[in-house]
Amino acid sequence: MPLDSLLCQIPGENPPLVLEQMVRSPSGGVSLASSTPAYFPEHTDPYCKIAIPFGDVSLHVKWQTASGQQKHQHIRSGHVSVLPANLPHEATQERQMEMIVISIEPLWLEQLADELMGKPIEIIEQWAARDPFVHQLGVAMLNEFQLALPNVIYVESVIHILATHLLRQYSSNHHPLVQDAVTKLPPQKLQQAIAHIHNRLEQDVTLSELATMVQMSPYRFARAFKQSTGLPPHQYLLSKRIERAQILLRETQLAINDALGANCTWESMRQAEKSWRP
């Protein structure tokens, strides 16, 4: 994989070929990976990973637990894999497949755990979990990649949702998350965030930059923004981009009509078309 890849860096002179589309975000990123059957020798990854494979999946993995125990697992269709950062593992892929891989920065995840749980956590590896929630998010992300590269704020929102899910379901601490009341953004902060979104409709906007602007954590900002507007930030951004496109389309149509002249109605155009026919 290239050096800027979010996927594992495989050792050796001729590592297996993996095609990757990716979107990075401050909290990690999401990749769509496609590869042919291959052996992936032992390696580690600096990110915490969630992998959702698609197709006729048959993947054999071996890994070493934190206590030094060697384990083996066969991953099939419908499974999702959760890996803590820096877990030594090797894999044998028997069939061609696609995979959505969510990469989460360990330091960012620690900060989120401290905010939500008030204590450090350890992610426990689950190579062949049956998790309909994660799988459905993977399907949604796969659909996004098939249309176009997802925008950064959408990727960040998915990472936040999955990170919270990891802390609830796959961590060594099964204590409940800190449940605080979801309040609306103060009017001044809401207007500040909305103005920034409107000024950046044609550019990438990240959840992190919006949260930093109003001096909140991304997690709390996203919840408060939805409470205030009825939409999560990525959906609000999408709705405003659609509105802007509709306005531009109307303005373009008006400009075309003006160019045709005030007396050039659709009826006169049809009459002209008839007169041009042989």
C-alpha atoms as a PDB file:
ATOM      1  CA  MET A   1       0.000   0.000   0.000  1.00  0.00           C
ATOM      2  CA  PRO A   2       1.177   3.581  -0.617  1.00  0.00           C
ATOM      3  CA  LEU A   3       2.641   5.515   2.288  1.00  0.00           C
ATOM      4  CA  ASP A   4      -0.403   7.774   2.534  1.00  0.00           C
ATOM      5  CA  SER A   5      -2.729   4.761   2.835  1.00  0.00           C
ATOM      6  CA  LEU A   6      -4.995   4.242   5.827  1.00  0.00           C
ATOM      7  CA  LEU A   7      -4.605   0.471   5.442  1.00  0.00           C
ATOM      8  CA  CYS A   8      -2.005  -1.751   7.091  1.00  0.00           C
ATOM      9  CA  GLN A   9       1.539  -1.427   5.780  1.00  0.00           C
ATOM     10  CA  ILE A  10       2.438  -4.981   4.733  1.00  0.00           C
ATOM     11  CA  PRO A  11       6.106  -5.986   5.088  1.00  0.00           C
ATOM     12  CA  GLY A  12       8.127  -7.560   2.283  1.00  0.00           C
ATOM     13  CA  GLU A  13       9.455  -6.582  -1.145  1.00  0.00           C
ATOM     14  CA  ASN A  14       6.297  -7.592  -3.043  1.00  0.00           C
ATOM     15  CA  PRO A  15       3.295  -6.933  -0.785  1.00  0.00           C
ATOM     16  CA  PRO A  16      -0.160  -7.955  -2.076  1.00  0.00           C
ATOM     17  CA  LEU A  17      -1.862  -5.436  -4.348  1.00  0.00           C
ATOM     18  CA  VAL A  18      -4.766  -3.669  -2.652  1.00  0.00           C
ATOM     19  CA  LEU A  19      -6.752  -0.973  -4.450  1.00  0.00           C
ATOM     20  CA  GLU A  20      -7.932   1.743  -2.084  1.00  0.00           C
ATOM     21  CA  GLN A  21     -10.201   4.749  -2.154  1.00  0.00           C
ATOM     22  CA  MET A  22     -10.044   6.737   1.051  1.00  0.00           C
ATOM     23  CA  VAL A  23     -11.243   9.833   2.855  1.00  0.00           C
ATOM     24  CA  ARG A  24      -9.199  11.144   5.782  1.00  0.00           C
ATOM     25  CA  SER A  25     -10.534  13.091   8.724  1.00  0.00           C
ATOM     26  CA  PRO A  26      -9.002  14.480  11.934  1.00  0.00           C
ATOM     27  CA  SER A  27     -10.295  11.443  13.835  1.00  0.00           C
ATOM     28  CA  GLY A  28      -9.049   8.854  11.312  1.00  0.00           C
ATOM     29  CA  GLY A  29     -10.670   8.002   8.010  1.00  0.00           C
ATOM     30  CA  VAL A  30     -12.601   5.497   5.910  1.00  0.00           C
ATOM     31  CA  SER A  31     -11.312   3.315   3.063  1.00  0.00           C
ATOM     32  CA  LEU A  32     -12.903   1.140   0.408  1.00  0.00           C
ATOM     33  CA  ALA A  33     -10.357  -1.607  -0.273  1.00  0.00           C
ATOM     34  CA  SER A  34     -10.448  -4.242  -3.009  1.00  0.00           C
ATOM     35  CA  SER A  35      -7.977  -7.111  -3.245  1.00  0.00           C
ATOM     36  CA  THR A  36      -7.446 -10.483  -4.880  1.00  0.00           C
ATOM     37  CA  PRO A  37      -6.563 -13.690  -2.985  1.00  0.00           C
ATOM     38  CA  ALA A  38      -3.252 -13.256  -1.176  1.00  0.00           C
ATOM     39  CA  TYR A  39      -1.245 -13.941   1.947  1.00  0.00           C
ATOM     40  CA  PHE A  40      -0.589 -10.973   4.256  1.00  0.00           C
ATOM     41  CA  PRO A  41       2.401 -11.709   6.520  1.00  0.00           C
ATOM     42  CA  GLU A  42       2.420 -10.608  10.154  1.00  0.00           C
ATOM     43  CA  HIS A  43       2.069  -6.865  10.597  1.00  0.00           C
ATOM     44  CA  THR A  44       0.556  -4.276  12.920  1.00  0.00           C
ATOM     45  CA  ASP A  45      -1.502  -1.161  12.375  1.00  0.00           C
ATOM     46  CA  PRO A  46      -1.285   2.155  14.260  1.00  0.00           C
ATOM     47  CA  TYR A  47      -5.052   2.697  13.989  1.00  0.00           C
ATOM     48  CA  CYS A  48      -7.941   1.065  15.779  1.00  0.00           C
ATOM     49  CA  LYS A  49      -9.862  -0.643  12.969  1.00  0.00           C
ATOM     50  CA  ILE A  50     -13.374  -1.703  12.105  1.00  0.00           C
ATOM     51  CA  ALA A  51     -13.520  -3.834   8.936  1.00  0.00           C
ATOM     52  CA  ILE A  52     -16.737  -4.804   7.106  1.00  0.00           C
ATOM     53  CA  PRO A  53     -16.078  -7.253   4.231  1.00  0.00           C
ATOM     54  CA  PHE A  54     -18.473  -7.798   1.312  1.00  0.00           C
ATOM     55  CA  GLY A  55     -18.895 -10.559  -1.225  1.00  0.00           C
ATOM     56  CA  ASP A  56     -18.145 -14.269  -0.901  1.00  0.00           C
ATOM     57  CA  VAL A  57     -15.780 -13.756   2.036  1.00  0.00           C
ATOM     58  CA  SER A  58     -13.264 -16.332   3.235  1.00  0.00           C
ATOM     59  CA  LEU A  59     -10.421 -14.878   5.274  1.00  0.00           C
ATOM     60  CA  HIS A  60      -8.255 -16.775   7.773  1.00  0.00           C
ATOM     61  CA  VAL A  61      -6.485 -14.683  10.408  1.00  0.00           C
ATOM     62  CA  LYS A  62      -3.938 -15.487  13.097  1.00  0.00           C
ATOM     63  CA  TRP A  63      -3.044 -13.074  15.855  1.00  0.00           C
ATOM     64  CA  GLN A  64      -1.365 -12.756  19.198  1.00  0.00           C
ATOM     65  CA  THR A  65      -3.315 -11.490  22.184  1.00  0.00           C
ATOM     66  CA  ALA A  66      -1.963  -8.995  24.703  1.00  0.00           C
ATOM     67  CA  SER A  67      -1.088 -11.954  26.959  1.00  0.00           C
ATOM     68  CA  GLY A  68       0.934 -13.623  24.165  1.00  0.00           C
ATOM     69  CA  GLN A  69      -1.632 -16.300  23.298  1.00  0.00           C
ATOM     70  CA  GLN A  70      -1.827 -17.361  19.628  1.00  0.00           C
ATOM     71  CA  LYS A  71      -5.340 -17.487  18.160  1.00  0.00           C
ATOM     72  CA  HIS A  72      -7.007 -18.258  14.821  1.00  0.00           C
ATOM     73  CA  GLN A  73     -10.327 -17.190  13.293  1.00  0.00           C
ATOM     74  CA  HIS A  74     -12.146 -17.786  10.003  1.00  0.00           C
ATOM     75  CA  ILE A  75     -13.973 -14.655   8.791  1.00  0.00           C
ATOM     76  CA  ARG A  76     -16.984 -15.191   6.524  1.00  0.00           C
ATOM     77  CA  SER A  77     -19.720 -13.123   4.905  1.00  0.00           C
ATOM     78  CA  GLY A  78     -21.744 -11.135   7.444  1.00  0.00           C
ATOM     79  CA  HIS A  79     -18.896 -10.839   9.948  1.00  0.00           C
ATOM     80  CA  VAL A  80     -17.353  -7.550  11.078  1.00  0.00           C
ATOM     81  CA  SER A  81     -13.902  -7.262  12.634  1.00  0.00           C
ATOM     82  CA  VAL A  82     -12.808  -4.944  15.442  1.00  0.00           C
ATOM     83  CA  LEU A  83      -9.067  -4.536  16.007  1.00  0.00           C
ATOM     84  CA  PRO A  84      -7.259  -2.485  18.641  1.00  0.00           C
ATOM     85  CA  ALA A  85      -4.249  -0.513  17.456  1.00  0.00           C
ATOM     86  CA  ASN A  86      -0.877  -2.265  17.128  1.00  0.00           C
ATOM     87  CA  LEU A  87      -2.241  -5.813  17.239  1.00  0.00           C
ATOM     88  CA  PRO A  88       0.193  -8.256  15.519  1.00  0.00           C
ATOM     89  CA  HIS A  89      -1.701 -10.390  12.996  1.00  0.00           C
ATOM     90  CA  GLU A  90      -1.426 -12.201   9.668  1.00  0.00           C
ATOM     91  CA  ALA A  91      -4.120 -13.146   7.182  1.00  0.00           C
ATOM     92  CA  THR A  92      -4.806 -15.420   4.224  1.00  0.00           C
ATOM     93  CA  GLN A  93      -7.475 -14.181   1.825  1.00  0.00           C
ATOM     94  CA  GLU A  94      -8.964 -17.005  -0.242  1.00  0.00           C
ATOM     95  CA  ARG A  95     -11.282 -15.035  -2.549  1.00  0.00           C
ATOM     96  CA  GLN A  96     -11.493 -11.597  -4.116  1.00  0.00           C
ATOM     97  CA  MET A  97     -13.473  -9.193  -1.968  1.00  0.00           C
ATOM     98  CA  GLU A  98     -14.238  -5.589  -1.132  1.00  0.00           C
ATOM     99  CA  MET A  99     -14.039  -4.206   2.371  1.00  0.00           C
ATOM    100  CA  ILE A 100     -15.008  -0.985   4.115  1.00  0.00           C
ATOM    101  CA  VAL A 101     -12.338  -0.164   6.698  1.00  0.00           C
ATOM    102  CA  ILE A 102     -12.883   2.505   9.351  1.00  0.00           C
ATOM    103  CA  SER A 103      -9.615   3.721  10.891  1.00  0.00           C
ATOM    104  CA  ILE A 104      -9.767   5.525  14.236  1.00  0.00           C
ATOM    105  CA  GLU A 105      -6.888   7.487  15.745  1.00  0.00           C
ATOM    106  CA  PRO A 106      -6.069   5.857  19.130  1.00  0.00           C
ATOM    107  CA  LEU A 107      -5.339   9.181  20.858  1.00  0.00           C
ATOM    108  CA  TRP A 108      -8.624  10.635  19.637  1.00  0.00           C
ATOM    109  CA  LEU A 109     -10.454   7.506  20.846  1.00  0.00           C
ATOM    110  CA  GLU A 110      -8.793   7.824  24.272  1.00  0.00           C
ATOM    111  CA  GLN A 111      -9.960  11.430  24.510  1.00  0.00           C
ATOM    112  CA  LEU A 112     -13.494  10.418  23.579  1.00  0.00           C
ATOM    113  CA  ALA A 113     -13.420   7.618  26.176  1.00  0.00           C
ATOM    114  CA  ASP A 114     -12.266  10.057  28.839  1.00  0.00           C
ATOM    115  CA  GLU A 115     -15.084  12.433  27.911  1.00  0.00           C
ATOM    116  CA  LEU A 116     -17.794   9.771  27.842  1.00  0.00           C
ATOM    117  CA  MET A 117     -16.588   7.298  30.465  1.00  0.00           C
ATOM    118  CA  GLY A 118     -14.221   9.304  32.624  1.00  0.00           C
ATOM    119  CA  LYS A 119     -11.524   6.624  32.530  1.00  0.00           C
ATOM    120  CA  PRO A 120      -9.090   4.874  30.131  1.00  0.00           C
ATOM    121  CA  ILE A 121     -10.368   1.952  28.092  1.00  0.00           C
ATOM    122  CA  GLU A 122      -8.977  -0.954  26.110  1.00  0.00           C
ATOM    123  CA  ILE A 123     -10.600  -2.161  22.881  1.00  0.00           C
ATOM    124  CA  ILE A 124     -10.948  -5.955  22.828  1.00  0.00           C
ATOM    125  CA  GLU A 125     -10.392  -7.621  19.453  1.00  0.00           C
ATOM    126  CA  GLN A 126     -13.379  -9.339  17.830  1.00  0.00           C
ATOM    127  CA  TRP A 127     -12.465 -10.792  14.454  1.00  0.00           C
ATOM    128  CA  ALA A 128     -15.783 -12.401  13.538  1.00  0.00           C
ATOM    129  CA  ALA A 129     -18.503 -10.428  15.312  1.00  0.00           C
ATOM    130  CA  ARG A 130     -22.121 -10.467  14.201  1.00  0.00           C
ATOM    131  CA  ASP A 131     -23.090  -6.810  14.571  1.00  0.00           C
ATOM    132  CA  PRO A 132     -26.051  -5.676  12.407  1.00  0.00           C
ATOM    133  CA  PHE A 133     -25.561  -2.032  13.428  1.00  0.00           C
ATOM    134  CA  VAL A 134     -21.938  -1.885  12.238  1.00  0.00           C
ATOM    135  CA  HIS A 135     -22.709  -3.950   9.143  1.00  0.00           C
ATOM    136  CA  GLN A 136     -25.525  -1.611   8.098  1.00  0.00           C
ATOM    137  CA  LEU A 137     -23.289   1.429   8.486  1.00  0.00           C
ATOM    138  CA  GLY A 138     -20.731  -0.380   6.339  1.00  0.00           C
ATOM    139  CA  VAL A 139     -23.348  -0.965   3.625  1.00  0.00           C
ATOM    140  CA  ALA A 140     -24.298   2.731   3.714  1.00  0.00           C
ATOM    141  CA  MET A 141     -20.651   3.764   3.401  1.00  0.00           C
ATOM    142  CA  LEU A 142     -20.096   1.294   0.524  1.00  0.00           C
ATOM    143  CA  ASN A 143     -23.039   2.881  -1.308  1.00  0.00           C
ATOM    144  CA  GLU A 144     -21.514   6.333  -0.771  1.00  0.00           C
ATOM    145  CA  PHE A 145     -18.187   5.247  -2.280  1.00  0.00           C
ATOM    146  CA  GLN A 146     -19.948   3.722  -5.276  1.00  0.00           C
ATOM    147  CA  LEU A 147     -21.545   7.105  -6.029  1.00  0.00           C
ATOM    148  CA  ALA A 148     -18.548   9.344  -5.265  1.00  0.00           C
ATOM    149  CA  LEU A 149     -16.016   9.932  -2.519  1.00  0.00           C
ATOM    150  CA  PRO A 150     -17.949  10.743   0.686  1.00  0.00           C
ATOM    151  CA  ASN A 151     -17.432  14.242   2.078  1.00  0.00           C
ATOM    152  CA  VAL A 152     -15.265  14.669   5.147  1.00  0.00           C
ATOM    153  CA  ILE A 153     -17.999  15.790   7.535  1.00  0.00           C
ATOM    154  CA  TYR A 154     -20.039  12.668   6.718  1.00  0.00           C
ATOM    155  CA  VAL A 155     -17.009  10.445   7.324  1.00  0.00           C
ATOM    156  CA  GLU A 156     -16.371  12.174  10.651  1.00  0.00           C
ATOM    157  CA  SER A 157     -19.996  11.644  11.696  1.00  0.00           C
ATOM    158  CA  VAL A 158     -19.781   7.917  10.918  1.00  0.00           C
ATOM    159  CA  ILE A 159     -16.507   7.621  12.854  1.00  0.00           C
ATOM    160  CA  HIS A 160     -18.051   9.338  15.882  1.00  0.00           C
ATOM    161  CA  ILE A 161     -21.063   7.008  15.807  1.00  0.00           C
ATOM    162  CA  LEU A 162     -18.903   3.884  15.488  1.00  0.00           C
ATOM    163  CA  ALA A 163     -16.401   5.039  18.112  1.00  0.00           C
ATOM    164  CA  THR A 164     -19.201   5.504  20.635  1.00  0.00           C
ATOM    165  CA  HIS A 165     -20.498   2.044  19.692  1.00  0.00           C
ATOM    166  CA  LEU A 166     -17.022   0.561  20.236  1.00  0.00           C
ATOM    167  CA  LEU A 167     -16.824   2.063  23.712  1.00  0.00           C
ATOM    168  CA  ARG A 168     -20.212   0.591  24.565  1.00  0.00           C
ATOM    169  CA  GLN A 169     -19.774  -2.884  23.078  1.00  0.00           C
ATOM    170  CA  TYR A 170     -16.096  -3.723  22.544  1.00  0.00           C
ATOM    171  CA  SER A 171     -14.152  -2.156  25.406  1.00  0.00           C
ATOM    172  CA  SER A 172     -12.719  -3.684  28.572  1.00  0.00           C
ATOM    173  CA  ASN A 173     -14.832  -1.302  30.649  1.00  0.00           C
ATOM    174  CA  HIS A 174     -18.488  -2.149  30.381  1.00  0.00           C
ATOM    175  CA  HIS A 175     -19.520   0.774  32.529  1.00  0.00           C
ATOM    176  CA  PRO A 176     -22.300   2.880  31.014  1.00  0.00           C
ATOM    177  CA  LEU A 177     -21.314   6.032  29.189  1.00  0.00           C
ATOM    178  CA  VAL A 178     -21.784   9.325  30.968  1.00  0.00           C
ATOM    179  CA  GLN A 179     -25.322  10.367  30.136  1.00  0.00           C
ATOM    180  CA  ASP A 180     -25.666  14.129  30.113  1.00  0.00           C
ATOM    181  CA  ALA A 181     -28.681  16.063  28.942  1.00  0.00           C
ATOM    182  CA  VAL A 182     -28.514  17.074  25.299  1.00  0.00           C
ATOM    183  CA  THR A 183     -28.986  20.836  25.128  1.00  0.00           C
ATOM    184  CA  LYS A 184     -29.257  23.180  22.178  1.00  0.00           C
ATOM    185  CA  LEU A 185     -26.368  25.336  21.062  1.00  0.00           C
ATOM    186  CA  PRO A 186     -26.434  28.898  22.410  1.00  0.00           C
ATOM    187  CA  PRO A 187     -27.862  31.170  19.673  1.00  0.00           C
ATOM    188  CA  GLN A 188     -24.555  32.938  19.058  1.00  0.00           C
ATOM    189  CA  LYS A 189     -22.646  29.668  18.634  1.00  0.00           C
ATOM    190  CA  LEU A 190     -25.373  28.238  16.401  1.00  0.00           C
ATOM    191  CA  GLN A 191     -25.282  31.283  14.120  1.00  0.00           C
ATOM    192  CA  GLN A 192     -21.490  31.136  14.052  1.00  0.00           C
ATOM    193  CA  ALA A 193     -21.526  27.488  12.950  1.00  0.00           C
ATOM    194  CA  ILE A 194     -24.285  28.022  10.390  1.00  0.00           C
ATOM    195  CA  ALA A 195     -22.530  31.048   8.898  1.00  0.00           C
ATOM    196  CA  HIS A 196     -19.330  29.022   8.533  1.00  0.00           C
ATOM    197  CA  ILE A 197     -21.208  26.226   6.765  1.00  0.00           C
ATOM    198  CA  HIS A 198     -22.899  28.675   4.380  1.00  0.00           C
ATOM    199  CA  ASN A 199     -19.571  30.328   3.573  1.00  0.00           C
ATOM    200  CA  ARG A 200     -17.977  26.953   2.781  1.00  0.00           C
ATOM    201  CA  LEU A 201     -20.694  25.226   0.762  1.00  0.00           C
ATOM    202  CA  GLU A 202     -18.303  24.560  -2.114  1.00  0.00           C
ATOM    203  CA  GLN A 203     -15.450  23.383   0.122  1.00  0.00           C
ATOM    204  CA  ASP A 204     -14.812  20.609   2.622  1.00  0.00           C
ATOM    205  CA  VAL A 205     -16.141  21.355   6.091  1.00  0.00           C
ATOM    206  CA  THR A 206     -15.112  19.145   9.006  1.00  0.00           C
ATOM    207  CA  LEU A 207     -16.909  18.420  12.227  1.00  0.00           C
ATOM    208  CA  SER A 208     -13.703  19.155  14.115  1.00  0.00           C
ATOM    209  CA  GLU A 209     -13.324  22.673  12.738  1.00  0.00           C
ATOM    210  CA  LEU A 210     -16.955  23.514  13.543  1.00  0.00           C
ATOM    211  CA  ALA A 211     -16.556  22.187  17.072  1.00  0.00           C
ATOM    212  CA  THR A 212     -13.296  24.052  17.603  1.00  0.00           C
ATOM    213  CA  MET A 213     -14.901  27.271  16.394  1.00  0.00           C
ATOM    214  CA  VAL A 214     -17.548  27.138  19.140  1.00  0.00           C
ATOM    215  CA  GLN A 215     -15.148  25.688  21.737  1.00  0.00           C
ATOM    216  CA  MET A 216     -16.826  22.306  22.147  1.00  0.00           C
ATOM    217  CA  SER A 217     -15.781  18.701  21.623  1.00  0.00           C
ATOM    218  CA  PRO A 218     -16.932  17.249  18.270  1.00  0.00           C
ATOM    219  CA  TYR A 219     -19.115  14.721  20.092  1.00  0.00           C
ATOM    220  CA  ARG A 220     -21.009  17.321  22.128  1.00  0.00           C
ATOM    221  CA  PHE A 221     -21.177  19.782  19.234  1.00  0.00           C
ATOM    222  CA  ALA A 222     -22.758  17.216  16.884  1.00  0.00           C
ATOM    223  CA  ARG A 223     -25.433  16.344  19.459  1.00  0.00           C
ATOM    224  CA  ALA A 224     -26.183  19.984  20.305  1.00  0.00           C
ATOM    225  CA  PHE A 225     -26.286  20.985  16.623  1.00  0.00           C
ATOM    226  CA  LYS A 226     -28.847  18.274  15.856  1.00  0.00           C
ATOM    227  CA  GLN A 227     -30.887  19.322  18.894  1.00  0.00           C
ATOM    228  CA  SER A 228     -30.875  22.910  17.572  1.00  0.00           C
ATOM    229  CA  THR A 229     -31.547  22.323  13.861  1.00  0.00           C
ATOM    230  CA  GLY A 230     -33.194  18.911  13.729  1.00  0.00           C
ATOM    231  CA  LEU A 231     -30.379  17.617  11.517  1.00  0.00           C
ATOM    232  CA  PRO A 232     -26.871  16.302  12.200  1.00  0.00           C
ATOM    233  CA  PRO A 233     -24.159  18.581  10.750  1.00  0.00           C
ATOM    234  CA  HIS A 234     -23.437  16.470   7.655  1.00  0.00           C
ATOM    235  CA  GLN A 235     -27.116  16.312   6.688  1.00  0.00           C
ATOM    236  CA  TYR A 236     -27.545  20.040   7.290  1.00  0.00           C
ATOM    237  CA  LEU A 237     -24.558  20.735   5.014  1.00  0.00           C
ATOM    238  CA  LEU A 238     -25.998  18.448   2.338  1.00  0.00           C
ATOM    239  CA  SER A 239     -29.412  20.141   2.503  1.00  0.00           C
ATOM    240  CA  LYS A 240     -27.849  23.590   2.061  1.00  0.00           C
ATOM    241  CA  ARG A 241     -25.767  22.383  -0.876  1.00  0.00           C
ATOM    242  CA  ILE A 242     -28.923  21.042  -2.524  1.00  0.00           C
ATOM    243  CA  GLU A 243     -30.718  24.354  -1.909  1.00  0.00           C
ATOM    244  CA  ARG A 244     -27.776  26.230  -3.412  1.00  0.00           C
ATOM    245  CA  ALA A 245     -27.761  23.956  -6.472  1.00  0.00           C
ATOM    246  CA  GLN A 246     -31.498  24.533  -6.976  1.00  0.00           C
ATOM    247  CA  ILE A 247     -30.992  28.305  -6.830  1.00  0.00           C
ATOM    248  CA  LEU A 248     -28.165  28.143  -9.354  1.00  0.00           C
ATOM    249  CA  LEU A 249     -30.296  25.965 -11.619  1.00  0.00           C
ATOM    250  CA  ARG A 250     -33.176  28.455 -11.500  1.00  0.00           C
ATOM    251  CA  GLU A 251     -30.821  31.374 -12.164  1.00  0.00           C
ATOM    252  CA  THR A 252     -29.302  29.521 -15.105  1.00  0.00           C
ATOM    253  CA  GLN A 253     -32.736  28.793 -16.570  1.00  0.00           C
ATOM    254  CA  LEU A 254     -33.754  32.448 -16.183  1.00  0.00           C
ATOM    255  CA  ALA A 255     -30.562  33.533 -17.936  1.00  0.00           C
ATOM    256  CA  ILE A 256     -31.308  31.173 -20.836  1.00  0.00           C
ATOM    257  CA  ASN A 257     -34.879  32.474 -21.103  1.00  0.00           C
ATOM    258  CA  ASP A 258     -33.648  36.082 -21.069  1.00  0.00           C
ATOM    259  CA  ALA A 259     -31.211  35.308 -23.862  1.00  0.00           C
ATOM    260  CA  LEU A 260     -34.011  33.895 -26.002  1.00  0.00           C
ATOM    261  CA  GLY A 261     -35.838  37.210 -25.701  1.00  0.00           C
ATOM    262  CA  ALA A 262     -38.961  38.345 -23.941  1.00  0.00           C
ATOM    263  CA  ASN A 263     -41.198  37.401 -26.897  1.00  0.00           C
ATOM    264  CA  CYS A 264     -39.712  33.963 -27.377  1.00  0.00           C
ATOM    265  CA  THR A 265     -42.214  31.813 -25.478  1.00  0.00           C
ATOM    266  CA  TRP A 266     -42.307  28.038 -25.545  1.00  0.00           C
ATOM    267  CA  GLU A 267     -45.272  28.294 -27.948  1.00  0.00           C
ATOM    268  CA  SER A 268     -43.371  30.531 -30.372  1.00  0.00           C
ATOM    269  CA  MET A 269     -40.396  28.165 -30.153  1.00  0.00           C
ATOM    270  CA  ARG A 270     -42.628  25.220 -31.124  1.00  0.00           C
ATOM    271  CA  GLN A 271     -44.016  27.210 -34.068  1.00  0.00           C
ATOM    272  CA  ALA A 272     -40.504  28.087 -35.167  1.00  0.00           C
ATOM    273  CA  GLU A 273     -39.477  24.454 -34.926  1.00  0.00           C
ATOM    274  CA  LYS A 274     -42.366  23.466 -37.233  1.00  0.00           C
ATOM    275  CA  SER A 275     -41.391  26.105 -39.779  1.00  0.00           C
ATOM    276  CA  TRP A 276     -37.822  24.783 -39.866  1.00  0.00           C
ATOM    277  CA  ARG A 277     -38.885  21.260 -40.688  1.00  0.00           C
ATOM    278  CA  PRO A 278     -38.674  20.253 -44.409  1.00  0.00           C
END
